[in-house]
Protein backbone atom coordinates (compact mmCIF):
# COMPACT_ATOMS: atom_id res chain seq x y z
CA MET A 1 0.17 -0.16 0.18
CA ARG A 2 1.28 3.33 -0.71
CA PRO A 3 2.15 5.75 2.27
CA GLY A 4 -0.46 8.23 1.55
CA SER A 5 -3.24 5.40 0.99
CA LEU A 6 -3.01 4.53 4.73
CA ALA A 7 -4.37 8.19 5.58
CA ILE A 8 -6.72 8.13 3.14
CA ARG A 9 -8.14 4.55 4.50
CA ASP A 10 -8.38 5.78 7.99
CA SER A 11 -10.00 9.10 7.30
CA THR A 12 -12.92 7.34 5.51
CA PRO A 13 -16.03 6.40 7.34
CA LEU A 14 -16.19 2.98 5.72
CA GLY A 15 -12.64 2.04 7.14
CA ARG A 16 -11.04 1.00 3.90
CA LEU A 17 -10.12 2.11 0.42
CA GLY A 18 -12.49 1.50 -2.68
CA ARG A 19 -12.39 -1.14 -5.03
CA PRO A 20 -13.09 -1.26 -8.71
CA GLU A 21 -16.22 -3.39 -7.77
CA ASP A 22 -17.68 -0.64 -5.60
CA VAL A 23 -17.52 1.74 -8.60
CA ALA A 24 -18.79 -0.99 -10.95
CA THR A 25 -22.03 -1.60 -8.70
CA ALA A 26 -22.92 1.88 -8.84
CA VAL A 27 -22.17 2.02 -12.95
CA VAL A 28 -24.54 -0.94 -13.54
CA HIS A 29 -27.25 0.08 -11.21
CA LEU A 30 -27.44 3.48 -12.93
CA MET A 31 -27.39 1.55 -16.64
CA GLN A 32 -30.22 -0.45 -15.45
CA ALA A 33 -32.46 2.63 -14.06
CA PRO A 34 -33.87 4.44 -17.22
CA TRP A 35 -35.59 6.95 -15.18
CA ILE A 36 -32.39 7.95 -13.62
CA THR A 37 -30.67 11.01 -15.68
CA GLY A 38 -28.11 13.36 -14.97
CA GLN A 39 -27.06 12.38 -11.45
CA VAL A 40 -23.56 12.45 -9.82
CA VAL A 41 -22.93 9.42 -7.69
CA MET A 42 -20.44 10.18 -4.84
CA ALA A 43 -18.43 6.69 -4.78
CA ASP A 44 -15.93 8.02 -1.91
CA GLY A 45 -16.71 5.54 0.99
CA GLY A 46 -18.71 8.25 3.02
CA SER A 47 -16.07 10.85 2.68
CA SER A 48 -18.38 13.52 1.56
CA LEU A 49 -20.81 12.50 4.17
CA SER A 50 -18.22 13.14 6.57
CA SER A 51 -17.56 17.08 5.68
CA ALA A 52 -21.10 17.58 4.94
CA ARG A 53 -22.09 16.27 8.23
CA GLY A 54 -19.50 17.69 10.57
CA GLY A 55 -17.85 14.51 11.42
CA ILE A 56 -19.26 10.97 10.69
CA ARG A 57 -16.44 8.59 12.27
CA ARG A 58 -14.69 5.75 10.85
CA GLY A 59 -17.42 2.75 11.10
CA ASP A 60 -20.49 4.80 11.20
CA ALA A 61 -21.31 4.52 7.73
CA ALA A 62 -21.06 0.49 8.07
CA ARG A 63 -23.60 0.69 10.92
CA ALA A 64 -26.20 3.02 8.94
């Protein structure tokens, strides 16, 4: 694992780095949902939630 990767992993509420299948799952869902158009999907392991909600801690997203 690269040196900066540990800091990113530890700051992510899910407590792990994203995997290609994490993004692929979101892409497949959007491809199969014809009524969903023009959306931005944040596949960031909850990092955007932690800044928007004032500090979701590691593991909080996994319990939600």
